[in-house]
Amino acid sequence: MLESLSKLSEHDLNQMALALRAGRLGPPYAPIALARYCTPAVAAELSEEMREAGLECAAPAVMAVMLELVARERTRHSNLLDSVELVTTGPEAPGVTTRDTAIVVRELFLMAQRSVLVAGYAVYKGRTVFKALAERMEQVPELQVRMYLDVRRHRTDTSASSELVRRFAHDFKTNDWPGSRLPEVYYDPRSLEMDPQRRASLHAKCVVIDQAIAFVSSANFTEAAHVRNVEVGLLIKSCGLAARVADHFETLKRVRAFVRVDF
């Protein structure tokens, strides 16, 4: 119904709605009248579609409301696209505009004011990956940083879970964290189950800052994932969605689905 409206810009739709409300446009919506607000071809198409839909005698106020709704939805859709950015690692695709994973993660860490949530499966050369975050924690003492990371039990390792967590804490503090102030780190205890059928992995990879911006990506927190691998992610500037991601992890922590690593 009135598919030709998709060919009108938001400006055209709003101008036509104003004309309807001001009495400058009305039934029978002839092509010559509509052509003041769009191209002649679109005007002819719209006039014919209105006739076929039985709208050639529709009240101007009703038509104005319809056009305003279409324009509003067009604006909302445009704003949604503007709030999401494609972020990649790897070879550049000609003609595709993206942002670099390493740069985006660094910028997010450096702009955080109140809170940072990091979730990741693998960390390697963390001193490089988390350098900006450690610096930000020194600059903003009240910054709350929580990490949800995978603590793994390798196939042949039968060590006690507490021993595996101790080793992880030592490795993280010694090899992966570049700052003096440590973040809160949590893990899923199911990852340490002896029975492989019951074992689970913390496979999510995301960053949320200030519950306002969320970055969800295929990239782990490794130098290779941020510099060389083929990775794809989305940077989403939405307080509502970012807060929901953060709340998801916070709720799991609160019900002890995640356990804090003791450093």
C-alpha atoms as a PDB file:
ATOM      1  CA  MET A   1       0.000   0.000   0.000  1.00  0.00           C
ATOM      2  CA  LEU A   2       1.426   3.376  -1.124  1.00  0.00           C
ATOM      3  CA  GLU A   3       4.815   1.855  -1.839  1.00  0.00           C
ATOM      4  CA  SER A   4       5.818   5.065  -3.605  1.00  0.00           C
ATOM      5  CA  LEU A   5       6.143   6.729  -0.181  1.00  0.00           C
ATOM      6  CA  SER A   6       9.427   4.840   0.160  1.00  0.00           C
ATOM      7  CA  LYS A   7      10.771   7.036  -2.654  1.00  0.00           C
ATOM      8  CA  LEU A   8      10.114  10.227  -0.696  1.00  0.00           C
ATOM      9  CA  SER A   9      12.690  11.711   1.642  1.00  0.00           C
ATOM     10  CA  GLU A  10      11.872  12.651   5.228  1.00  0.00           C
ATOM     11  CA  HIS A  11      11.870  16.281   4.099  1.00  0.00           C
ATOM     12  CA  ASP A  12       9.388  15.532   1.290  1.00  0.00           C
ATOM     13  CA  LEU A  13       7.094  13.642   3.659  1.00  0.00           C
ATOM     14  CA  ASN A  14       7.102  16.422   6.245  1.00  0.00           C
ATOM     15  CA  GLN A  15       6.568  19.162   3.659  1.00  0.00           C
ATOM     16  CA  MET A  16       3.635  17.276   2.203  1.00  0.00           C
ATOM     17  CA  ALA A  17       2.158  16.801   5.684  1.00  0.00           C
ATOM     18  CA  LEU A  18       2.514  20.543   6.383  1.00  0.00           C
ATOM     19  CA  ALA A  19       0.763  21.346   3.100  1.00  0.00           C
ATOM     20  CA  LEU A  20      -2.095  18.991   3.989  1.00  0.00           C
ATOM     21  CA  ARG A  21      -2.555  20.628   7.382  1.00  0.00           C
ATOM     22  CA  ALA A  22      -2.357  24.139   5.897  1.00  0.00           C
ATOM     23  CA  GLY A  23      -4.961  23.403   3.217  1.00  0.00           C
ATOM     24  CA  ARG A  24      -2.523  23.759   0.321  1.00  0.00           C
ATOM     25  CA  LEU A  25      -2.980  20.111  -0.630  1.00  0.00           C
ATOM     26  CA  GLY A  26      -6.122  18.011  -0.593  1.00  0.00           C
ATOM     27  CA  PRO A  27      -8.432  15.642  -2.473  1.00  0.00           C
ATOM     28  CA  PRO A  28      -8.382  14.333  -5.129  1.00  0.00           C
ATOM     29  CA  TYR A  29      -4.568  14.378  -4.789  1.00  0.00           C
ATOM     30  CA  ALA A  30      -3.914  14.864  -8.494  1.00  0.00           C
ATOM     31  CA  PRO A  31      -0.388  14.271  -9.819  1.00  0.00           C
ATOM     32  CA  ILE A  32       0.043  17.962 -10.666  1.00  0.00           C
ATOM     33  CA  ALA A  33      -0.691  18.919  -7.048  1.00  0.00           C
ATOM     34  CA  LEU A  34       1.558  16.234  -5.542  1.00  0.00           C
ATOM     35  CA  ALA A  35       4.389  17.171  -7.921  1.00  0.00           C
ATOM     36  CA  ARG A  36       5.007  20.343  -5.881  1.00  0.00           C
ATOM     37  CA  TYR A  37       6.497  18.108  -3.183  1.00  0.00           C
ATOM     38  CA  CYS A  38       8.209  15.338  -5.176  1.00  0.00           C
ATOM     39  CA  THR A  39       9.236  14.420  -8.707  1.00  0.00           C
ATOM     40  CA  PRO A  40       6.498  14.190 -11.366  1.00  0.00           C
ATOM     41  CA  ALA A  41       7.081  10.457 -11.782  1.00  0.00           C
ATOM     42  CA  VAL A  42       6.674   9.756  -8.053  1.00  0.00           C
ATOM     43  CA  ALA A  43       3.675  12.130  -7.905  1.00  0.00           C
ATOM     44  CA  ALA A  44       1.935  10.187 -10.673  1.00  0.00           C
ATOM     45  CA  GLU A  45       2.711   6.875  -8.997  1.00  0.00           C
ATOM     46  CA  LEU A  46       1.514   8.086  -5.577  1.00  0.00           C
ATOM     47  CA  SER A  47      -1.707   9.542  -7.002  1.00  0.00           C
ATOM     48  CA  GLU A  48      -2.508   6.256  -8.750  1.00  0.00           C
ATOM     49  CA  GLU A  49      -1.763   4.201  -5.618  1.00  0.00           C
ATOM     50  CA  MET A  50      -4.028   6.451  -3.550  1.00  0.00           C
ATOM     51  CA  ARG A  51      -6.823   6.006  -6.088  1.00  0.00           C
ATOM     52  CA  GLU A  52      -6.415   2.227  -6.081  1.00  0.00           C
ATOM     53  CA  ALA A  53      -6.434   2.207  -2.260  1.00  0.00           C
ATOM     54  CA  GLY A  54      -9.593   4.314  -2.123  1.00  0.00           C
ATOM     55  CA  LEU A  55      -7.775   7.246  -0.551  1.00  0.00           C
ATOM     56  CA  GLU A  56      -8.391   9.851  -3.255  1.00  0.00           C
ATOM     57  CA  CYS A  57     -11.037  11.424  -1.022  1.00  0.00           C
ATOM     58  CA  ALA A  58      -9.261  10.886   2.305  1.00  0.00           C
ATOM     59  CA  ALA A  59      -9.341  13.816   4.708  1.00  0.00           C
ATOM     60  CA  PRO A  60      -6.141  15.906   4.589  1.00  0.00           C
ATOM     61  CA  ALA A  61      -5.699  15.588   8.374  1.00  0.00           C
ATOM     62  CA  VAL A  62      -5.750  11.790   8.100  1.00  0.00           C
ATOM     63  CA  MET A  63      -3.213  11.805   5.273  1.00  0.00           C
ATOM     64  CA  ALA A  64      -1.016  14.238   7.223  1.00  0.00           C
ATOM     65  CA  VAL A  65      -0.930  11.923  10.238  1.00  0.00           C
ATOM     66  CA  MET A  66      -0.013   8.976   8.003  1.00  0.00           C
ATOM     67  CA  LEU A  67       2.830  10.872   6.318  1.00  0.00           C
ATOM     68  CA  GLU A  68       4.150  12.119   9.667  1.00  0.00           C
ATOM     69  CA  LEU A  69       4.196   8.557  11.011  1.00  0.00           C
ATOM     70  CA  VAL A  70       6.143   7.379   7.962  1.00  0.00           C
ATOM     71  CA  ALA A  71       8.631  10.250   8.365  1.00  0.00           C
ATOM     72  CA  ARG A  72       9.015   9.549  12.096  1.00  0.00           C
ATOM     73  CA  GLU A  73       9.699   5.866  11.470  1.00  0.00           C
ATOM     74  CA  ARG A  74      12.231   6.795   8.785  1.00  0.00           C
ATOM     75  CA  THR A  75      14.023   9.050  11.296  1.00  0.00           C
ATOM     76  CA  ARG A  76      13.992   6.360  13.962  1.00  0.00           C
ATOM     77  CA  HIS A  77      15.463   3.822  11.562  1.00  0.00           C
ATOM     78  CA  SER A  78      18.138   6.300  10.470  1.00  0.00           C
ATOM     79  CA  ASN A  79      19.067   7.039  14.095  1.00  0.00           C
ATOM     80  CA  LEU A  80      19.335   3.326  14.818  1.00  0.00           C
ATOM     81  CA  LEU A  81      21.769   2.840  11.942  1.00  0.00           C
ATOM     82  CA  ASP A  82      23.798   5.838  13.124  1.00  0.00           C
ATOM     83  CA  SER A  83      24.093   4.303  16.613  1.00  0.00           C
ATOM     84  CA  VAL A  84      25.716   1.088  15.340  1.00  0.00           C
ATOM     85  CA  GLU A  85      29.199   0.895  13.824  1.00  0.00           C
ATOM     86  CA  LEU A  86      30.897  -2.067  12.167  1.00  0.00           C
ATOM     87  CA  VAL A  87      34.255  -2.907  13.771  1.00  0.00           C
ATOM     88  CA  THR A  88      36.697  -5.359  12.202  1.00  0.00           C
ATOM     89  CA  THR A  89      40.171  -6.828  12.366  1.00  0.00           C
ATOM     90  CA  GLY A  90      42.019  -8.150   9.329  1.00  0.00           C
ATOM     91  CA  PRO A  91      42.249  -7.198   5.656  1.00  0.00           C
ATOM     92  CA  GLU A  92      40.208  -4.197   4.585  1.00  0.00           C
ATOM     93  CA  ALA A  93      37.279  -4.841   2.261  1.00  0.00           C
ATOM     94  CA  PRO A  94      37.215  -2.254  -0.569  1.00  0.00           C
ATOM     95  CA  GLY A  95      34.216   0.031  -0.335  1.00  0.00           C
ATOM     96  CA  VAL A  96      33.239  -1.075   3.188  1.00  0.00           C
ATOM     97  CA  THR A  97      33.656   1.501   5.954  1.00  0.00           C
ATOM     98  CA  THR A  98      34.668  -0.059   9.254  1.00  0.00           C
ATOM     99  CA  ARG A  99      36.593   0.787  12.402  1.00  0.00           C
ATOM    100  CA  ASP A 100      39.612  -1.067  13.763  1.00  0.00           C
ATOM    101  CA  THR A 101      39.105  -3.405  16.745  1.00  0.00           C
ATOM    102  CA  ALA A 102      42.264  -2.401  18.619  1.00  0.00           C
ATOM    103  CA  ILE A 103      41.522   1.311  18.243  1.00  0.00           C
ATOM    104  CA  VAL A 104      37.886   0.959  19.319  1.00  0.00           C
ATOM    105  CA  VAL A 105      38.740  -1.070  22.431  1.00  0.00           C
ATOM    106  CA  ARG A 106      41.469   1.385  23.418  1.00  0.00           C
ATOM    107  CA  GLU A 107      39.146   4.372  22.926  1.00  0.00           C
ATOM    108  CA  LEU A 108      36.426   2.724  25.008  1.00  0.00           C
ATOM    109  CA  PHE A 109      38.827   2.049  27.867  1.00  0.00           C
ATOM    110  CA  LEU A 110      40.159   5.619  27.817  1.00  0.00           C
ATOM    111  CA  MET A 111      36.732   7.284  27.768  1.00  0.00           C
ATOM    112  CA  ALA A 112      35.208   5.309  30.671  1.00  0.00           C
ATOM    113  CA  GLN A 113      34.092   7.459  33.599  1.00  0.00           C
ATOM    114  CA  ARG A 114      32.197   5.166  35.993  1.00  0.00           C
ATOM    115  CA  SER A 115      32.329   1.509  35.000  1.00  0.00           C
ATOM    116  CA  VAL A 116      33.880  -0.957  32.588  1.00  0.00           C
ATOM    117  CA  LEU A 117      32.677  -4.498  31.969  1.00  0.00           C
ATOM    118  CA  VAL A 118      34.934  -6.849  30.032  1.00  0.00           C
ATOM    119  CA  ALA A 119      33.923 -10.381  29.065  1.00  0.00           C
ATOM    120  CA  GLY A 120      36.275 -12.648  27.164  1.00  0.00           C
ATOM    121  CA  TYR A 121      37.196 -16.234  26.464  1.00  0.00           C
ATOM    122  CA  ALA A 122      40.933 -15.891  25.833  1.00  0.00           C
ATOM    123  CA  VAL A 123      43.522 -13.394  27.048  1.00  0.00           C
ATOM    124  CA  TYR A 124      47.028 -13.367  25.598  1.00  0.00           C
ATOM    125  CA  LYS A 125      49.618 -10.608  25.886  1.00  0.00           C
ATOM    126  CA  GLY A 126      47.131  -8.813  28.095  1.00  0.00           C
ATOM    127  CA  ARG A 127      49.724  -6.273  29.159  1.00  0.00           C
ATOM    128  CA  THR A 128      49.390  -4.776  25.694  1.00  0.00           C
ATOM    129  CA  VAL A 129      45.643  -5.267  25.266  1.00  0.00           C
ATOM    130  CA  PHE A 130      44.750  -3.912  28.729  1.00  0.00           C
ATOM    131  CA  LYS A 131      47.393  -1.162  28.935  1.00  0.00           C
ATOM    132  CA  ALA A 132      44.903   1.638  28.244  1.00  0.00           C
ATOM    133  CA  LEU A 133      42.430   0.235  30.781  1.00  0.00           C
ATOM    134  CA  ALA A 134      45.067  -0.005  33.499  1.00  0.00           C
ATOM    135  CA  GLU A 135      46.095   3.587  32.798  1.00  0.00           C
ATOM    136  CA  ARG A 136      42.485   4.727  33.003  1.00  0.00           C
ATOM    137  CA  MET A 137      42.069   3.005  36.367  1.00  0.00           C
ATOM    138  CA  GLU A 138      45.015   5.014  37.684  1.00  0.00           C
ATOM    139  CA  GLN A 139      43.574   8.262  36.274  1.00  0.00           C
ATOM    140  CA  VAL A 140      40.058   7.629  37.630  1.00  0.00           C
ATOM    141  CA  PRO A 141      40.340   5.990  41.077  1.00  0.00           C
ATOM    142  CA  GLU A 142      36.579   5.556  41.397  1.00  0.00           C
ATOM    143  CA  LEU A 143      36.334   3.651  38.081  1.00  0.00           C
ATOM    144  CA  GLN A 144      34.791   0.220  38.684  1.00  0.00           C
ATOM    145  CA  VAL A 145      36.233  -2.477  36.420  1.00  0.00           C
ATOM    146  CA  ARG A 146      34.831  -5.994  36.351  1.00  0.00           C
ATOM    147  CA  MET A 147      36.122  -8.740  34.093  1.00  0.00           C
ATOM    148  CA  TYR A 148      34.401 -12.017  33.323  1.00  0.00           C
ATOM    149  CA  LEU A 149      37.009 -14.412  31.957  1.00  0.00           C
ATOM    150  CA  ASP A 150      37.261 -18.082  31.154  1.00  0.00           C
ATOM    151  CA  VAL A 151      39.341 -20.216  33.521  1.00  0.00           C
ATOM    152  CA  ARG A 152      40.087 -23.440  31.685  1.00  0.00           C
ATOM    153  CA  ARG A 153      40.705 -27.012  32.677  1.00  0.00           C
ATOM    154  CA  HIS A 154      42.773 -28.714  29.995  1.00  0.00           C
ATOM    155  CA  ARG A 155      41.744 -32.181  28.954  1.00  0.00           C
ATOM    156  CA  THR A 156      44.356 -34.144  30.920  1.00  0.00           C
ATOM    157  CA  ASP A 157      44.599 -31.828  33.936  1.00  0.00           C
ATOM    158  CA  THR A 158      43.077 -33.394  37.041  1.00  0.00           C
ATOM    159  CA  SER A 159      44.189 -30.668  39.454  1.00  0.00           C
ATOM    160  CA  ALA A 160      41.745 -29.391  42.038  1.00  0.00           C
ATOM    161  CA  SER A 161      39.608 -26.490  40.851  1.00  0.00           C
ATOM    162  CA  SER A 162      41.090 -24.256  43.534  1.00  0.00           C
ATOM    163  CA  GLU A 163      44.570 -24.959  42.177  1.00  0.00           C
ATOM    164  CA  LEU A 164      43.535 -24.060  38.634  1.00  0.00           C
ATOM    165  CA  VAL A 165      42.041 -20.783  39.847  1.00  0.00           C
ATOM    166  CA  ARG A 166      45.206 -20.041  41.826  1.00  0.00           C
ATOM    167  CA  ARG A 167      47.352 -20.607  38.731  1.00  0.00           C
ATOM    168  CA  PHE A 168      45.037 -18.428  36.639  1.00  0.00           C
ATOM    169  CA  ALA A 169      45.211 -15.613  39.205  1.00  0.00           C
ATOM    170  CA  HIS A 170      48.998 -15.799  39.282  1.00  0.00           C
ATOM    171  CA  ASP A 171      49.304 -15.806  35.487  1.00  0.00           C
ATOM    172  CA  PHE A 172      46.845 -12.952  35.063  1.00  0.00           C
ATOM    173  CA  LYS A 173      48.535 -10.788  37.675  1.00  0.00           C
ATOM    174  CA  THR A 174      52.042 -11.630  36.482  1.00  0.00           C
ATOM    175  CA  ASN A 175      51.667 -11.827  32.705  1.00  0.00           C
ATOM    176  CA  ASP A 176      48.441 -10.155  31.619  1.00  0.00           C
ATOM    177  CA  TRP A 177      47.767  -7.163  33.840  1.00  0.00           C
ATOM    178  CA  PRO A 178      50.015  -4.104  33.403  1.00  0.00           C
ATOM    179  CA  GLY A 179      48.780  -1.968  36.311  1.00  0.00           C
ATOM    180  CA  SER A 180      49.182  -1.857  40.069  1.00  0.00           C
ATOM    181  CA  ARG A 181      45.453  -1.634  40.749  1.00  0.00           C
ATOM    182  CA  LEU A 182      43.724  -4.881  39.852  1.00  0.00           C
ATOM    183  CA  PRO A 183      40.224  -5.186  38.404  1.00  0.00           C
ATOM    184  CA  GLU A 184      37.597  -7.492  39.857  1.00  0.00           C
ATOM    185  CA  VAL A 185      37.799 -10.768  37.929  1.00  0.00           C
ATOM    186  CA  TYR A 186      35.068 -13.416  37.840  1.00  0.00           C
ATOM    187  CA  TYR A 187      34.819 -16.867  36.255  1.00  0.00           C
ATOM    188  CA  ASP A 188      32.183 -19.512  35.607  1.00  0.00           C
ATOM    189  CA  PRO A 189      32.965 -22.452  37.959  1.00  0.00           C
ATOM    190  CA  ARG A 190      31.396 -24.878  35.489  1.00  0.00           C
ATOM    191  CA  SER A 191      34.481 -24.412  33.293  1.00  0.00           C
ATOM    192  CA  LEU A 192      36.447 -26.424  35.875  1.00  0.00           C
ATOM    193  CA  GLU A 193      34.158 -29.452  36.026  1.00  0.00           C
ATOM    194  CA  MET A 194      36.040 -32.773  35.810  1.00  0.00           C
ATOM    195  CA  ASP A 195      33.312 -34.243  33.634  1.00  0.00           C
ATOM    196  CA  PRO A 196      33.653 -32.854  30.080  1.00  0.00           C
ATOM    197  CA  GLN A 197      29.915 -33.352  29.556  1.00  0.00           C
ATOM    198  CA  ARG A 198      29.177 -30.885  32.354  1.00  0.00           C
ATOM    199  CA  ARG A 199      31.957 -28.437  31.544  1.00  0.00           C
ATOM    200  CA  ALA A 200      31.087 -25.041  30.065  1.00  0.00           C
ATOM    201  CA  SER A 201      33.070 -22.123  28.677  1.00  0.00           C
ATOM    202  CA  LEU A 202      32.680 -18.398  29.165  1.00  0.00           C
ATOM    203  CA  HIS A 203      32.707 -17.666  25.465  1.00  0.00           C
ATOM    204  CA  ALA A 204      31.169 -14.177  25.382  1.00  0.00           C
ATOM    205  CA  LYS A 205      33.343 -11.309  24.160  1.00  0.00           C
ATOM    206  CA  CYS A 206      32.203  -7.795  24.880  1.00  0.00           C
ATOM    207  CA  VAL A 207      33.026  -4.459  26.491  1.00  0.00           C
ATOM    208  CA  VAL A 208      30.469  -2.187  28.138  1.00  0.00           C
ATOM    209  CA  ILE A 209      31.432   1.246  29.438  1.00  0.00           C
ATOM    210  CA  ASP A 210      29.332   3.372  31.777  1.00  0.00           C
ATOM    211  CA  GLN A 211      26.294   1.250  30.839  1.00  0.00           C
ATOM    212  CA  ALA A 212      26.040   3.519  27.786  1.00  0.00           C
ATOM    213  CA  ILE A 213      28.116   1.919  25.007  1.00  0.00           C
ATOM    214  CA  ALA A 214      28.471  -1.781  24.236  1.00  0.00           C
ATOM    215  CA  PHE A 215      31.008  -3.444  21.967  1.00  0.00           C
ATOM    216  CA  VAL A 216      30.145  -7.047  21.068  1.00  0.00           C
ATOM    217  CA  SER A 217      32.704  -8.871  18.947  1.00  0.00           C
ATOM    218  CA  SER A 218      34.087 -12.193  17.831  1.00  0.00           C
ATOM    219  CA  ALA A 219      37.506 -10.949  18.966  1.00  0.00           C
ATOM    220  CA  ASN A 220      39.162 -12.281  22.094  1.00  0.00           C
ATOM    221  CA  PHE A 221      41.441 -10.084  24.175  1.00  0.00           C
ATOM    222  CA  THR A 222      44.599 -11.094  22.394  1.00  0.00           C
ATOM    223  CA  GLU A 223      47.003  -9.152  20.250  1.00  0.00           C
ATOM    224  CA  ALA A 224      46.263 -11.418  17.269  1.00  0.00           C
ATOM    225  CA  ALA A 225      42.503 -10.882  17.553  1.00  0.00           C
ATOM    226  CA  HIS A 226      42.945  -7.117  17.745  1.00  0.00           C
ATOM    227  CA  VAL A 227      45.564  -6.809  15.007  1.00  0.00           C
ATOM    228  CA  ARG A 228      45.748  -9.764  12.570  1.00  0.00           C
ATOM    229  CA  ASN A 229      42.819 -12.186  12.691  1.00  0.00           C
ATOM    230  CA  VAL A 230      39.624 -11.775  10.710  1.00  0.00           C
ATOM    231  CA  GLU A 231      37.176 -10.549  13.374  1.00  0.00           C
ATOM    232  CA  VAL A 232      33.839  -8.764  13.219  1.00  0.00           C
ATOM    233  CA  GLY A 233      31.995  -6.817  15.891  1.00  0.00           C
ATOM    234  CA  LEU A 234      29.416  -4.105  16.465  1.00  0.00           C
ATOM    235  CA  LEU A 235      29.873  -0.926  18.490  1.00  0.00           C
ATOM    236  CA  ILE A 236      26.434   0.016  19.813  1.00  0.00           C
ATOM    237  CA  LYS A 237      25.761   3.429  21.325  1.00  0.00           C
ATOM    238  CA  SER A 238      22.564   2.656  23.195  1.00  0.00           C
ATOM    239  CA  CYS A 239      22.138   3.204  26.923  1.00  0.00           C
ATOM    240  CA  GLY A 240      19.230   0.778  27.033  1.00  0.00           C
ATOM    241  CA  LEU A 241      21.027  -2.087  25.323  1.00  0.00           C
ATOM    242  CA  ALA A 242      24.371  -1.469  27.046  1.00  0.00           C
ATOM    243  CA  ALA A 243      22.665  -1.476  30.444  1.00  0.00           C
ATOM    244  CA  ARG A 244      20.895  -4.740  29.612  1.00  0.00           C
ATOM    245  CA  VAL A 245      24.192  -6.418  28.691  1.00  0.00           C
ATOM    246  CA  ALA A 246      25.804  -5.182  31.903  1.00  0.00           C
ATOM    247  CA  ASP A 247      22.785  -6.222  33.973  1.00  0.00           C
ATOM    248  CA  HIS A 248      22.934  -9.714  32.482  1.00  0.00           C
ATOM    249  CA  PHE A 249      26.431 -10.259  33.856  1.00  0.00           C
ATOM    250  CA  GLU A 250      25.681  -8.462  37.113  1.00  0.00           C
ATOM    251  CA  THR A 251      22.654 -10.675  37.743  1.00  0.00           C
ATOM    252  CA  LEU A 252      24.633 -13.855  37.077  1.00  0.00           C
ATOM    253  CA  LYS A 253      27.284 -12.608  39.475  1.00  0.00           C
ATOM    254  CA  ARG A 254      24.667 -11.844  42.111  1.00  0.00           C
ATOM    255  CA  VAL A 255      23.237 -15.372  41.970  1.00  0.00           C
ATOM    256  CA  ARG A 256      26.797 -16.755  42.120  1.00  0.00           C
ATOM    257  CA  ALA A 257      26.790 -18.175  38.622  1.00  0.00           C
ATOM    258  CA  PHE A 258      30.104 -16.301  38.469  1.00  0.00           C
ATOM    259  CA  VAL A 259      32.686 -16.536  41.250  1.00  0.00           C
ATOM    260  CA  ARG A 260      35.280 -13.898  42.017  1.00  0.00           C
ATOM    261  CA  VAL A 261      38.961 -14.718  41.580  1.00  0.00           C
ATOM    262  CA  ASP A 262      40.928 -14.175  44.768  1.00  0.00           C
ATOM    263  CA  PHE A 263      44.200 -12.411  44.096  1.00  0.00           C
END
